[in-house]
Amino acid sequence: MTSLRGRAVIGGILWAAVTISLGFAGLQSFIDQGAEERFDELLLARLSQVVAAVENVADTPEAIAGAVGDPMYLRPMSGLYWQVENEAGQLFRSQSLGDHILPRPAMAVDGIMTERLLGPLRDPLRGMSRRLVLDDGNIWHVQVAKSLRSLQRELAQLREIMLTAFTFVVVIGVVGALLQVTVALRPIEKLRRDVQQRWTSEGGMDHGKYPEEVAPLVYDIDTLLTRNREIVQQSRKQAADLGHAIKTPAAIMRNELDALARQGQPVDAAIAALDRLDAQLKRAFGRMRAQTGIAALPAVTEMDRSLGRMVCAFTDMAAQRGLTLTAHYPPGQRLRIDPTDLDEVLGNLLDNALKWADSTIRLTASPQADGVVITLEDDGPGIPADQIALAMGSGQRLDNAKPGTGLGLSIAADLLQAYGSALVLDRSVNLHGLRAAFRLHSVQPQG
C-alpha cells in the first residue's frame, strides 16, 4: 500500500481494534467477577437466614420452612432453594425443590463451601453449604442454592450494553481518525498544489506556511526545482549557442555553393546534402529544446496568441498559392508547452499542408478534459495508412517532386513526444486529405 491516508486509517483501525478488544475482555472479566461476587454475597445472606432459622427452631425442625419465610421458597422450581439435614438422617427442604434432593457435600469441619449443582430442571445452580454444630451437640448440614440463569441473564445484558457502547466508541474513533488523518495530510496536499503551480509561475514556495515537520521538505523541494530550472536554462542556452555556431559555417558553405552554381558548376548534390544537414540539425536542436523545455519553469503558452500568430503568417502564404486557410479556436486557453516549441510544431504542420493541399486548409482547437486537441486538415492526397510510419521517420520523403527535407513531420512528432503528447496522422473525414492531430495539457488559471 502506498497511500499514507490508507496506511494511517488501517493502522488506526487495527490499533483501535486491538485496544478495544483488550479493553472489552478486561472490562468483561471485571464485570463478571463483580457480578459473581454480588451473587455470592446474596447467596451467603440467604444461607445465614436459613442457619438462623435452624438455630431458632432446632427443637421443632418442621417449623424451619415457616421461619425462613421467603415466598420464592414456596413456588415450585422458582430457582431459589434450601435444604437442611441432620446426622440422624432427618431431611427438610423448601417446597420449591419439589421431590428433588440436593446432594450433600462432604464437610468434615465447620466452614462454608461453594459449589455448582444441578437443579430440579437440570438447570445449573450455585450452591452454598455450611456444617452447623448446635449447642446441644446436634450437627446440621445447611444448604441454599440459586439458579445461575438469573446471573447469566444479567451478564448477557451487561455484555450487550458493553458491546453497544464499544461499537459506538469504535465508530466515533474511526470517524475521528479519518478527520485527524485528513487534517494531518492537508500540508501534503498543499505541497502538491504548490509544486504544480511551480510549473506555471516564477515564484518559489513559502516553506514558512507549512508545519515545522513538513517545512524542511518543502524547502528542499523548492531548492531542487530552482536548481533544476537553472540547469535546464543553462543547457538550453548552450544548445542555442551551439546551434548559432553551426549555422554560421553552414551559411558560408551555402553562399559558396550558390556562387559556384551561378558559375555553372554542378553543385545540386552538395546543396541537397547541406539542406539535409540543416534539417537534421534543426531536428536535433528541436528535440534538445523540447526535452529540456519540460523541466524548465515556467513552460506555458497562451494558445490563442500562438495560433493567431501562426495563422496570420501562413494565411498570406496560402493566399499566394491560391489556398484558403481557416482557423477556429477558443480564447483563454493556456497550454503546457514552450511557445517556441508550439510554433515549431504548428509551423512544420502548416508548411506540410501548404505543400500538399489542393484548395483548403483547416485549423481547429477543441478543449477537452484537462487538455486541448489541435487538428490540422487539408484536401490534398493525404498519406496512405501503410506509409504513415515511413512519413514520420527520419527524413523519409514520400515524393521527391515536392521541395523539402522530409523532416517536418518527424520534428513535430519529436517535440510533441517530449511534452507527453503524440502526433496522430490519418485521413480527414471532411476534407479527405491528411489530418494531423495532437493533444496538449491545459493549465488552469491561478487565483
Protein backbone atom coordinates (compact mmCIF):
# COMPACT_ATOMS: atom_id res chain seq x y z
CA MET A 1 0.00 0.00 0.00
CA THR A 2 1.35 3.41 -1.00
CA SER A 3 -1.39 5.68 0.36
CA LEU A 4 -0.47 7.48 3.57
CA ARG A 5 -4.15 8.03 4.29
CA GLY A 6 -4.87 4.34 3.79
CA ARG A 7 -1.96 3.33 5.98
CA ALA A 8 -2.99 5.71 8.75
CA VAL A 9 -6.65 4.69 8.64
CA ILE A 10 -5.99 0.94 8.55
CA GLY A 11 -3.28 1.24 11.20
CA GLY A 12 -5.62 3.27 13.39
CA ILE A 13 -8.43 0.78 12.93
CA LEU A 14 -6.17 -2.17 13.75
CA TRP A 15 -4.75 -0.41 16.81
CA ALA A 16 -8.25 0.58 17.94
CA ALA A 17 -9.47 -2.98 17.38
CA VAL A 18 -6.65 -4.44 19.48
CA THR A 19 -7.04 -1.82 22.21
CA ILE A 20 -10.81 -2.09 22.34
CA SER A 21 -10.72 -5.90 22.26
CA LEU A 22 -8.31 -5.99 25.19
CA GLY A 23 -10.35 -3.36 27.00
CA PHE A 24 -13.58 -5.23 26.32
CA ALA A 25 -12.09 -8.50 27.54
CA GLY A 26 -10.64 -6.88 30.67
CA LEU A 27 -13.82 -4.98 31.49
CA GLN A 28 -15.95 -8.06 30.85
CA SER A 29 -13.77 -10.10 33.20
CA PHE A 30 -14.04 -7.38 35.85
CA ILE A 31 -17.82 -7.16 35.47
CA ASP A 32 -18.21 -10.96 35.52
CA GLN A 33 -16.14 -11.18 38.67
CA GLY A 34 -18.11 -8.39 40.32
CA ALA A 35 -21.45 -9.93 39.36
CA GLU A 36 -20.39 -13.32 40.73
CA GLU A 37 -19.22 -11.71 43.96
CA ARG A 38 -22.57 -9.93 44.39
CA PHE A 39 -24.35 -13.19 43.59
CA ASP A 40 -22.32 -15.00 46.28
CA GLU A 41 -22.97 -12.21 48.78
CA LEU A 42 -26.73 -12.55 48.30
CA LEU A 43 -26.44 -16.33 48.48
CA LEU A 44 -24.43 -16.06 51.70
CA ALA A 45 -27.10 -13.80 53.16
CA ARG A 46 -29.75 -16.41 52.35
CA LEU A 47 -27.53 -19.12 53.88
CA SER A 48 -27.25 -17.04 57.05
CA GLN A 49 -31.03 -16.64 57.05
CA VAL A 50 -31.57 -20.42 56.91
CA VAL A 51 -28.85 -21.02 59.53
CA ALA A 52 -30.57 -18.57 61.86
CA ALA A 53 -33.88 -20.34 61.29
CA VAL A 54 -32.31 -23.72 62.11
CA GLU A 55 -30.76 -22.36 65.28
CA ASN A 56 -34.06 -20.86 66.39
CA VAL A 57 -36.32 -23.85 65.75
CA ALA A 58 -33.88 -26.78 66.02
CA ASP A 59 -36.19 -28.45 68.56
CA THR A 60 -39.03 -28.49 66.03
CA PRO A 61 -37.36 -28.82 62.59
CA GLU A 62 -40.75 -28.91 60.89
CA ALA A 63 -41.05 -25.19 61.63
CA ILE A 64 -37.94 -24.27 59.63
CA ALA A 65 -39.97 -23.60 56.47
CA GLY A 66 -42.12 -21.09 58.28
CA ALA A 67 -39.09 -19.47 59.90
CA VAL A 68 -37.38 -18.83 56.56
CA GLY A 69 -40.45 -17.09 55.18
CA ASP A 70 -39.41 -16.15 51.62
CA PRO A 71 -42.20 -16.70 49.03
CA MET A 72 -39.60 -17.78 46.47
CA TYR A 73 -39.04 -20.93 48.53
CA LEU A 74 -42.73 -21.78 48.26
CA ARG A 75 -43.08 -21.61 44.47
CA PRO A 76 -42.08 -24.87 42.72
CA MET A 77 -38.97 -24.69 40.57
CA SER A 78 -38.54 -21.00 41.39
CA GLY A 79 -34.76 -21.21 41.16
CA LEU A 80 -34.22 -20.49 44.87
CA TYR A 81 -33.89 -23.48 47.22
CA TRP A 82 -32.85 -24.50 50.74
CA GLN A 83 -32.24 -27.88 52.35
CA VAL A 84 -31.19 -28.97 55.86
CA GLU A 85 -30.24 -32.43 57.11
CA ASN A 86 -29.03 -33.68 60.47
CA GLU A 87 -26.78 -36.60 61.33
CA ALA A 88 -29.82 -38.71 62.17
CA GLY A 89 -30.92 -38.56 58.57
CA GLN A 90 -33.78 -36.13 59.02
CA LEU A 91 -34.16 -34.08 55.82
CA PHE A 92 -36.12 -30.87 55.39
CA ARG A 93 -36.24 -28.80 52.20
CA SER A 94 -38.09 -25.93 50.56
CA GLN A 95 -41.26 -26.55 48.59
CA SER A 96 -39.55 -25.07 45.54
CA LEU A 97 -37.37 -28.21 45.32
CA GLY A 98 -40.37 -30.48 44.89
CA ASP A 99 -39.14 -34.09 45.06
CA HIS A 100 -35.58 -33.14 44.20
CA ILE A 101 -32.84 -33.57 46.80
CA LEU A 102 -29.64 -31.57 46.70
CA PRO A 103 -26.50 -33.71 47.00
CA ARG A 104 -24.99 -33.41 50.46
CA PRO A 105 -21.40 -32.11 50.37
CA ALA A 106 -18.71 -33.92 52.33
CA MET A 107 -17.67 -31.45 55.02
CA ALA A 108 -15.51 -32.69 57.86
CA VAL A 109 -15.04 -29.33 59.53
CA ASP A 110 -17.05 -26.21 60.09
CA GLY A 111 -16.97 -23.71 57.28
CA ILE A 112 -18.76 -22.56 54.16
CA MET A 113 -18.46 -24.42 50.88
CA THR A 114 -19.48 -23.10 47.46
CA GLU A 115 -20.13 -25.49 44.59
CA ARG A 116 -22.04 -25.95 41.34
CA LEU A 117 -25.11 -28.19 41.38
CA LEU A 118 -27.92 -29.33 39.12
CA GLY A 119 -31.44 -28.21 39.97
CA PRO A 120 -34.79 -29.92 39.59
CA LEU A 121 -34.94 -28.96 35.94
CA ARG A 122 -31.34 -29.97 35.34
CA ASP A 123 -30.52 -26.29 35.29
CA PRO A 124 -27.19 -25.08 36.71
CA LEU A 125 -27.26 -23.95 40.33
CA ARG A 126 -24.73 -22.26 42.54
CA GLY A 127 -24.90 -23.79 45.97
CA MET A 128 -23.54 -22.71 49.33
CA SER A 129 -23.46 -25.04 52.34
CA ARG A 130 -22.38 -24.97 55.98
CA ARG A 131 -21.85 -27.60 58.67
CA LEU A 132 -23.66 -26.25 61.72
CA VAL A 133 -22.96 -27.58 65.24
CA LEU A 134 -25.58 -26.51 67.76
CA ASP A 135 -25.07 -26.02 71.49
CA ASP A 136 -26.70 -29.38 72.25
CA GLY A 137 -24.15 -31.14 70.05
CA ASN A 138 -26.50 -31.84 67.16
CA ILE A 139 -24.97 -31.38 63.73
CA TRP A 140 -26.93 -29.95 60.81
CA HIS A 141 -25.92 -29.60 57.19
CA VAL A 142 -27.47 -26.41 55.83
CA GLN A 143 -27.62 -25.75 52.08
CA VAL A 144 -29.01 -22.98 49.90
CA ALA A 145 -28.87 -22.84 46.11
CA LYS A 146 -29.90 -20.42 43.43
CA SER A 147 -30.25 -20.86 39.70
CA LEU A 148 -27.43 -19.34 37.64
CA ARG A 149 -29.84 -18.35 34.89
CA SER A 150 -30.53 -15.00 36.51
CA LEU A 151 -26.78 -14.37 36.75
CA GLN A 152 -26.33 -15.42 33.14
CA ARG A 153 -29.16 -13.13 32.00
CA GLU A 154 -27.65 -10.25 33.93
CA LEU A 155 -24.21 -10.87 32.42
CA ALA A 156 -25.69 -11.19 28.92
CA GLN A 157 -27.46 -7.84 29.33
CA LEU A 158 -24.26 -6.24 30.57
CA ARG A 159 -22.30 -7.68 27.64
CA GLU A 160 -24.90 -6.36 25.20
CA ILE A 161 -24.70 -2.90 26.76
CA MET A 162 -20.90 -3.05 26.68
CA LEU A 163 -20.88 -4.20 23.06
CA THR A 164 -23.19 -1.35 22.05
CA ALA A 165 -21.06 1.16 23.93
CA PHE A 166 -17.80 -0.15 22.47
CA THR A 167 -19.31 -0.21 18.96
CA PHE A 168 -20.25 3.43 19.40
CA VAL A 169 -16.74 4.18 20.62
CA VAL A 170 -15.28 2.36 17.59
CA VAL A 171 -17.44 4.37 15.18
CA ILE A 172 -16.52 7.63 16.88
CA GLY A 173 -12.87 6.57 16.89
CA VAL A 174 -12.84 5.69 13.19
CA VAL A 175 -14.55 8.95 12.25
CA GLY A 176 -12.12 10.83 14.47
CA ALA A 177 -9.19 9.00 12.89
CA LEU A 178 -10.41 9.90 9.40
CA LEU A 179 -10.77 13.54 10.38
CA GLN A 180 -7.38 13.53 12.06
CA VAL A 181 -5.70 11.95 9.03
CA THR A 182 -7.42 14.40 6.69
CA VAL A 183 -6.21 17.35 8.74
CA ALA A 184 -2.72 15.87 9.11
CA LEU A 185 -2.37 15.33 5.35
CA ARG A 186 -3.51 18.80 4.33
CA PRO A 187 0.07 20.10 4.24
CA ILE A 188 0.98 17.29 1.81
CA GLU A 189 -1.97 18.16 -0.43
CA LYS A 190 -0.99 21.84 -0.26
CA LEU A 191 2.58 20.89 -1.18
CA ARG A 192 1.29 19.03 -4.24
CA ARG A 193 -0.72 22.07 -5.37
CA ASP A 194 2.23 24.38 -4.77
CA VAL A 195 4.55 22.15 -6.79
CA GLN A 196 2.02 22.13 -9.64
CA GLN A 197 1.85 25.93 -9.51
CA ARG A 198 5.62 26.00 -9.58
CA TRP A 199 5.44 24.72 -13.17
CA THR A 200 3.50 27.80 -14.23
CA SER A 201 4.95 30.56 -12.05
CA GLU A 202 8.30 32.08 -11.29
CA GLY A 203 7.81 32.46 -7.55
CA GLY A 204 9.10 29.93 -5.05
CA MET A 205 7.21 28.11 -2.32
CA ASP A 206 6.91 29.73 1.11
CA HIS A 207 8.00 26.95 3.46
CA GLY A 208 7.14 29.18 6.42
CA LYS A 209 3.45 28.47 5.80
CA TYR A 210 3.93 24.76 6.43
CA PRO A 211 4.12 22.87 9.75
CA GLU A 212 7.64 22.55 11.12
CA GLU A 213 7.67 18.81 10.35
CA VAL A 214 7.00 19.45 6.64
CA ALA A 215 8.77 22.78 6.17
CA PRO A 216 12.28 21.27 5.65
CA LEU A 217 10.93 19.00 2.91
CA VAL A 218 9.21 21.96 1.22
CA TYR A 219 12.43 23.95 1.36
CA ASP A 220 14.42 21.08 -0.16
CA ILE A 221 11.89 20.57 -2.97
CA ASP A 222 11.82 24.27 -3.75
CA THR A 223 15.61 24.40 -3.81
CA LEU A 224 15.73 21.35 -6.07
CA LEU A 225 13.23 22.86 -8.50
CA THR A 226 15.11 26.15 -8.58
CA ARG A 227 18.39 24.37 -9.23
CA ASN A 228 16.77 22.23 -11.89
CA ARG A 229 15.45 25.34 -13.64
CA GLU A 230 18.89 26.91 -13.61
CA ILE A 231 20.50 23.77 -15.06
CA VAL A 232 17.85 23.48 -17.77
CA GLN A 233 18.06 27.12 -18.74
CA GLN A 234 21.84 26.85 -18.93
CA SER A 235 21.55 23.71 -21.08
CA ARG A 236 19.13 25.39 -23.44
CA LYS A 237 21.39 28.40 -23.73
CA GLN A 238 24.34 26.17 -24.56
CA ALA A 239 22.26 24.34 -27.16
CA ALA A 240 21.22 27.64 -28.72
CA ASP A 241 24.81 28.88 -28.77
CA LEU A 242 25.90 25.64 -30.42
CA GLY A 243 23.15 25.99 -33.00
CA HIS A 244 24.23 29.51 -33.89
CA ALA A 245 27.86 28.41 -34.06
CA ILE A 246 26.97 25.68 -36.57
CA LYS A 247 24.63 27.86 -38.61
CA THR A 248 27.38 30.37 -39.43
CA PRO A 249 29.70 27.89 -41.24
CA ALA A 250 26.66 26.34 -42.90
CA ALA A 251 25.57 29.74 -44.20
CA ILE A 252 29.07 30.38 -45.58
CA MET A 253 29.05 26.99 -47.30
CA ARG A 254 25.64 27.71 -48.79
CA ASN A 255 26.81 31.06 -50.14
CA GLU A 256 29.84 29.41 -51.70
CA LEU A 257 27.68 26.72 -53.28
CA ASP A 258 25.28 29.35 -54.64
CA ALA A 259 28.26 31.22 -56.16
CA LEU A 260 29.51 28.01 -57.78
CA ALA A 261 26.01 27.27 -59.06
CA ARG A 262 25.86 30.68 -60.74
CA GLN A 263 29.15 29.84 -62.42
CA GLY A 264 27.56 26.72 -63.86
CA GLN A 265 29.24 24.23 -61.53
CA PRO A 266 27.30 21.00 -60.71
CA VAL A 267 26.55 21.54 -57.01
CA ASP A 268 22.99 20.21 -56.75
CA ALA A 269 24.08 17.14 -54.78
CA ALA A 270 26.12 19.28 -52.38
CA ILE A 271 23.22 21.70 -51.85
CA ALA A 272 20.85 18.78 -51.20
CA ALA A 273 23.30 17.32 -48.70
CA LEU A 274 23.62 20.68 -46.97
CA ASP A 275 19.83 21.03 -46.85
CA ARG A 276 19.63 17.62 -45.25
CA LEU A 277 22.34 18.53 -42.74
CA ASP A 278 20.46 21.72 -41.81
CA ALA A 279 17.25 19.76 -41.36
CA GLN A 280 18.90 17.11 -39.19
CA LEU A 281 20.49 19.79 -37.04
CA LYS A 282 17.17 21.55 -36.79
CA ARG A 283 15.53 18.32 -35.65
CA ALA A 284 18.28 17.53 -33.14
CA PHE A 285 18.21 21.02 -31.62
CA GLY A 286 14.43 20.97 -31.56
CA ARG A 287 14.45 17.69 -29.67
CA MET A 288 17.03 19.02 -27.21
CA ARG A 289 14.97 22.16 -26.71
CA ALA A 290 11.79 20.19 -26.10
CA GLN A 291 13.36 17.70 -23.69
CA THR A 292 14.76 20.49 -21.57
CA GLY A 293 11.61 22.55 -22.01
CA ILE A 294 9.57 20.08 -19.99
CA ALA A 295 11.63 20.76 -16.88
CA ALA A 296 12.16 24.48 -17.48
CA LEU A 297 9.78 26.56 -15.40
CA PRO A 298 7.51 28.07 -16.44
CA ALA A 299 6.56 26.45 -19.76
CA VAL A 300 3.13 27.86 -20.57
CA THR A 301 1.75 29.18 -23.85
CA GLU A 302 -1.29 31.35 -24.47
CA MET A 303 -2.86 29.23 -27.19
CA ASP A 304 -4.84 31.94 -28.95
CA ARG A 305 -1.76 34.15 -29.26
CA SER A 306 0.41 31.38 -30.66
CA LEU A 307 -2.23 30.09 -33.07
CA GLY A 308 -3.17 33.62 -34.10
CA ARG A 309 0.44 34.46 -34.87
CA MET A 310 0.95 31.32 -36.97
CA VAL A 311 -2.38 31.68 -38.79
CA CYS A 312 -1.60 35.30 -39.64
CA ALA A 313 1.78 34.34 -41.10
CA PHE A 314 0.57 31.32 -43.09
CA THR A 315 -2.67 32.89 -44.34
CA ASP A 316 -0.67 35.18 -46.62
CA MET A 317 1.48 32.30 -47.86
CA ALA A 318 -1.66 30.24 -48.51
CA ALA A 319 -3.25 33.09 -50.44
CA GLN A 320 -0.13 33.42 -52.62
CA ARG A 321 -0.60 29.75 -53.61
CA GLY A 322 -4.34 30.07 -54.18
CA LEU A 323 -5.23 28.24 -50.97
CA THR A 324 -7.70 29.08 -48.21
CA LEU A 325 -6.65 28.75 -44.56
CA THR A 326 -9.41 28.85 -41.91
CA ALA A 327 -8.94 28.62 -38.17
CA HIS A 328 -11.33 28.09 -35.25
CA TYR A 329 -10.09 28.09 -31.66
CA PRO A 330 -11.43 29.35 -28.31
CA PRO A 331 -9.71 32.18 -26.45
CA GLY A 332 -8.27 31.96 -22.96
CA GLN A 333 -6.66 28.53 -23.22
CA ARG A 334 -3.21 28.10 -21.69
CA LEU A 335 -1.14 25.09 -22.75
CA ARG A 336 1.76 23.37 -21.00
CA ILE A 337 4.35 23.82 -23.75
CA ASP A 338 7.06 26.29 -24.56
CA PRO A 339 5.79 28.94 -27.05
CA THR A 340 8.77 28.39 -29.36
CA ASP A 341 8.12 24.65 -29.45
CA LEU A 342 4.42 25.11 -30.23
CA ASP A 343 5.33 27.50 -33.04
CA GLU A 344 7.78 24.91 -34.35
CA VAL A 345 5.14 22.16 -34.34
CA LEU A 346 2.48 24.31 -35.99
CA GLY A 347 4.98 25.72 -38.47
CA ASN A 348 6.04 22.27 -39.65
CA LEU A 349 2.45 21.02 -39.93
CA LEU A 350 1.24 24.14 -41.76
CA ASP A 351 4.24 24.06 -44.08
CA ASN A 352 3.44 20.44 -44.93
CA ALA A 353 -0.21 21.33 -45.56
CA LEU A 354 0.78 24.20 -47.89
CA LYS A 355 2.81 21.78 -50.00
CA TRP A 356 0.05 19.21 -50.45
CA ALA A 357 -3.34 20.96 -50.14
CA ASP A 358 -5.41 21.46 -53.29
CA SER A 359 -7.51 24.37 -52.07
CA THR A 360 -8.38 24.26 -48.37
CA ILE A 361 -6.55 24.04 -45.04
CA ARG A 362 -8.47 23.98 -41.78
CA LEU A 363 -7.04 24.51 -38.26
CA THR A 364 -9.22 23.82 -35.20
CA ALA A 365 -8.67 23.59 -31.45
CA SER A 366 -11.17 21.72 -29.26
CA PRO A 367 -10.97 21.94 -25.44
CA GLN A 368 -11.35 18.64 -23.61
CA ALA A 369 -10.90 17.46 -20.05
CA ASP A 370 -7.53 18.74 -18.86
CA GLY A 371 -6.34 19.50 -22.36
CA VAL A 372 -6.89 20.82 -25.88
CA VAL A 373 -6.87 18.84 -29.13
CA ILE A 374 -5.40 20.79 -32.06
CA THR A 375 -6.27 19.46 -35.51
CA LEU A 376 -4.96 20.47 -38.94
CA GLU A 377 -6.69 19.15 -42.07
CA ASP A 378 -6.22 19.66 -45.80
CA ASP A 379 -7.85 18.46 -49.00
CA GLY A 380 -4.67 17.11 -50.57
CA PRO A 381 -3.92 13.50 -51.50
CA GLY A 382 -3.16 12.56 -47.90
CA ILE A 383 -0.84 9.75 -46.83
CA PRO A 384 -1.73 6.07 -47.25
CA ALA A 385 -2.16 4.29 -43.94
CA ASP A 386 0.71 1.92 -44.68
CA GLN A 387 3.10 4.83 -45.25
CA ILE A 388 2.31 6.97 -42.18
CA ALA A 389 5.09 5.41 -40.10
CA LEU A 390 7.51 5.99 -43.00
CA ALA A 391 6.45 9.64 -43.32
CA MET A 392 7.21 10.24 -39.63
CA GLY A 393 10.64 8.62 -39.85
CA SER A 394 13.95 10.43 -40.04
CA GLY A 395 13.93 12.27 -43.36
CA GLN A 396 11.85 9.79 -45.35
CA ARG A 397 10.39 11.69 -48.33
CA LEU A 398 7.36 10.11 -49.98
CA ASP A 399 7.50 12.36 -53.05
CA ASN A 400 10.80 13.83 -54.23
CA ALA A 401 8.95 16.18 -56.59
CA LYS A 402 7.97 18.38 -53.66
CA PRO A 403 10.58 20.63 -52.04
CA GLY A 404 11.79 19.99 -48.52
CA THR A 405 13.79 17.53 -46.50
CA GLY A 406 11.01 15.24 -45.31
CA LEU A 407 11.77 16.00 -41.66
CA GLY A 408 8.88 18.35 -40.82
CA LEU A 409 6.50 15.70 -39.50
CA SER A 410 9.22 13.84 -37.57
CA ILE A 411 10.41 17.10 -35.96
CA ALA A 412 6.84 17.90 -34.89
CA ALA A 413 6.41 14.36 -33.54
CA ASP A 414 9.66 14.57 -31.54
CA LEU A 415 8.67 17.89 -29.99
CA LEU A 416 5.22 16.62 -29.01
CA GLN A 417 6.63 13.40 -27.59
CA ALA A 418 8.84 15.42 -25.26
CA TYR A 419 5.68 17.00 -23.82
CA GLY A 420 3.93 13.69 -23.30
CA SER A 421 1.81 14.05 -26.43
CA ALA A 422 1.74 12.25 -29.77
CA LEU A 423 1.18 13.31 -33.36
CA VAL A 424 -1.65 11.30 -34.93
CA LEU A 425 -1.87 11.16 -38.73
CA ASP A 426 -4.89 9.79 -40.57
CA ARG A 427 -7.35 10.74 -43.31
CA SER A 428 -9.64 13.74 -42.86
CA VAL A 429 -13.33 12.81 -42.85
CA ASN A 430 -14.43 16.24 -44.07
CA LEU A 431 -11.65 17.31 -46.45
CA HIS A 432 -10.47 13.80 -47.43
CA GLY A 433 -6.81 14.79 -47.23
CA LEU A 434 -4.32 14.48 -44.40
CA ARG A 435 -5.49 15.01 -40.84
CA ALA A 436 -2.83 15.75 -38.21
CA ALA A 437 -3.95 15.97 -34.57
CA PHE A 438 -2.29 16.20 -31.17
CA ARG A 439 -3.36 16.86 -27.60
CA LEU A 440 -1.66 19.19 -25.13
CA HIS A 441 -2.30 19.55 -21.42
CA SER A 442 -4.01 22.75 -20.38
CA VAL A 443 -3.07 24.90 -17.40
CA GLN A 444 -5.78 26.23 -15.13
CA PRO A 445 -5.58 29.96 -14.45
CA GLN A 446 -4.29 30.86 -10.99
CA GLY A 447 -6.44 32.50 -8.40
